[in-house]
Protein backbone atom coordinates (compact mmCIF):
# COMPACT_ATOMS: atom_id res chain seq x y z
CA UNK A 1 7.28 -73.06 -54.27
CA UNK A 2 8.85 -70.91 -56.96
CA UNK A 3 12.58 -70.44 -56.78
CA UNK A 4 14.88 -68.29 -58.88
CA UNK A 5 18.62 -68.78 -58.87
CA UNK A 6 21.13 -66.50 -60.58
CA UNK A 7 24.38 -67.91 -61.89
CA UNK A 8 27.36 -66.47 -63.68
CA UNK A 9 30.86 -65.16 -63.14
CA UNK A 10 31.45 -63.03 -60.12
CA UNK A 11 34.31 -61.19 -61.79
CA UNK A 12 34.52 -59.76 -65.27
CA UNK A 13 37.11 -57.50 -66.84
CA UNK A 14 36.33 -54.07 -68.24
CA UNK A 15 35.10 -54.14 -71.84
CA UNK A 16 34.10 -57.80 -71.57
CA UNK A 17 30.60 -59.16 -71.83
CA UNK A 18 28.74 -60.31 -68.74
CA UNK A 19 26.51 -63.36 -69.00
CA UNK A 20 24.09 -64.20 -66.23
CA UNK A 21 21.49 -66.93 -66.15
CA UNK A 22 18.42 -67.27 -63.96
CA UNK A 23 17.17 -70.80 -63.41
CA UNK A 24 13.55 -71.02 -62.38
CA UNK A 25 12.04 -73.96 -60.52
CA UNK A 26 8.54 -74.56 -59.26
CA UNK A 27 6.91 -72.83 -62.20
CA UNK A 28 7.32 -72.34 -65.93
CA UNK A 29 8.66 -69.15 -67.47
CA UNK A 30 6.07 -69.56 -70.22
CA UNK A 31 3.09 -69.51 -67.88
CA UNK A 32 0.68 -66.63 -68.49
CA UNK A 33 1.05 -63.77 -67.52
CA UNK A 34 4.40 -63.71 -65.83
CA UNK A 35 7.22 -61.33 -66.64
CA UNK A 36 10.80 -62.11 -65.77
CA UNK A 37 13.17 -59.27 -65.03
CA UNK A 38 16.81 -58.56 -64.42
CA UNK A 39 17.37 -55.92 -61.77
CA UNK A 40 20.60 -54.76 -60.23
CA UNK A 41 21.65 -52.76 -57.24
CA UNK A 42 24.99 -50.96 -57.34
CA UNK A 43 26.68 -50.37 -54.01
CA UNK A 44 25.00 -47.57 -52.12
CA UNK A 45 22.33 -47.08 -54.76
CA UNK A 46 18.79 -48.14 -55.41
CA UNK A 47 17.37 -50.81 -57.64
CA UNK A 48 17.99 -50.43 -61.34
CA UNK A 49 15.88 -52.38 -63.77
CA UNK A 50 17.82 -53.73 -66.76
CA UNK A 51 15.23 -55.54 -68.80
CA UNK A 52 12.66 -58.29 -68.90
CA UNK A 53 11.19 -61.07 -70.94
CA UNK A 54 7.55 -61.92 -70.93
CA UNK A 55 5.81 -65.27 -70.74
CA UNK A 56 5.25 -65.22 -74.49
CA UNK A 57 8.80 -64.12 -75.29
CA UNK A 58 8.34 -60.37 -75.56
CA UNK A 59 11.37 -58.38 -74.52
CA UNK A 60 11.68 -55.07 -72.73
CA UNK A 61 14.78 -53.03 -72.03
CA UNK A 62 15.71 -50.08 -69.92
CA UNK A 63 16.46 -47.15 -72.24
CA UNK A 64 19.70 -46.49 -70.42
CA UNK A 65 20.97 -50.03 -70.91
CA UNK A 66 19.28 -51.02 -74.16
CA UNK A 67 22.30 -50.56 -76.38
CA UNK A 68 24.38 -53.00 -74.32
CA UNK A 69 21.75 -55.41 -73.06
CA UNK A 70 20.21 -58.55 -74.46
CA UNK A 71 17.79 -60.85 -72.71
CA UNK A 72 17.01 -64.34 -73.92
CA UNK A 73 15.44 -67.51 -72.66
CA UNK A 74 15.75 -71.26 -72.95
CA UNK A 75 12.33 -72.72 -72.33
CA UNK A 76 13.66 -76.28 -72.38
CA UNK A 77 15.78 -75.44 -69.34
CA UNK A 78 13.32 -72.98 -67.82
CA UNK A 79 16.00 -70.32 -67.78
CA UNK A 80 16.33 -66.75 -68.90
CA UNK A 81 19.57 -64.88 -69.35
CA UNK A 82 21.12 -61.43 -69.35
CA UNK A 83 23.94 -60.39 -71.62
CA UNK A 84 25.58 -57.04 -70.88
CA UNK A 85 28.34 -55.97 -73.21
CA UNK A 86 31.26 -53.58 -72.76
CA UNK A 87 31.08 -53.63 -68.99
CA UNK A 88 32.67 -50.88 -66.94
CA UNK A 89 33.18 -50.46 -63.20
CA UNK A 90 29.79 -48.69 -63.16
CA UNK A 91 28.23 -52.08 -63.89
CA UNK A 92 29.41 -53.50 -60.59
CA UNK A 93 26.33 -54.47 -58.62
CA UNK A 94 24.33 -57.26 -57.13
CA UNK A 95 22.26 -58.65 -59.96
CA UNK A 96 18.86 -60.14 -59.27
CA UNK A 97 16.33 -61.97 -61.33
CA UNK A 98 12.72 -61.59 -60.33
CA UNK A 99 9.21 -62.58 -61.35
CA UNK A 100 6.27 -60.25 -61.78
CA UNK A 101 2.80 -61.83 -61.84
CA UNK A 102 1.61 -59.21 -64.33
CA UNK A 103 3.34 -56.76 -66.63
CA UNK A 104 4.70 -54.12 -64.27
CA UNK A 105 3.74 -50.50 -64.60
CA UNK A 106 6.93 -49.63 -62.79
CA UNK A 107 9.59 -52.07 -63.79
CA UNK A 108 11.99 -51.04 -61.01
CA UNK A 109 9.34 -51.11 -58.30
CA UNK A 110 10.12 -54.03 -56.04
CA UNK A 111 6.44 -54.29 -55.10
CA UNK A 112 5.67 -55.41 -58.66
CA UNK A 113 7.57 -58.65 -58.09
CA UNK A 114 6.54 -61.65 -56.03
CA UNK A 115 9.65 -63.82 -56.28
CA UNK A 116 13.32 -62.89 -56.34
CA UNK A 117 16.55 -64.73 -56.65
CA UNK A 118 19.08 -64.33 -53.86
CA UNK A 119 21.24 -62.12 -56.05
CA UNK A 120 24.73 -62.52 -57.39
CA UNK A 121 27.56 -60.06 -56.90
CA UNK A 122 29.31 -58.93 -60.06
CA UNK A 123 32.65 -57.17 -59.82
CA UNK A 124 34.27 -55.44 -62.78
CA UNK A 125 38.02 -55.29 -62.46
CA UNK A 126 41.11 -56.01 -64.48
């Protein structure tokens, strides 16, 4: 059984950098041909894809977030991470990590993903 678990601070201050980590169990993040995404859902809005890292280490970013986003992985810990710089209140959302069994054609389409973390709430406030 594959499990994904997000971790990170629930509260960050404006202009700070948000760091979130997704710990994967029950399967390796290097297994072909999985893609591992960060997706968020602001209050009252739909899913917003932030970026992803592929099984071989390739990285993909949403054009709207690319300048502030960095995704990395630690294969020894079977984790992948999201770094979002210069956060603003508009970055408040529930952040999810998710696994796609193949490279998605629609990164924000929930049907492209077979496993999700439970989500972690991120609040941006001073």
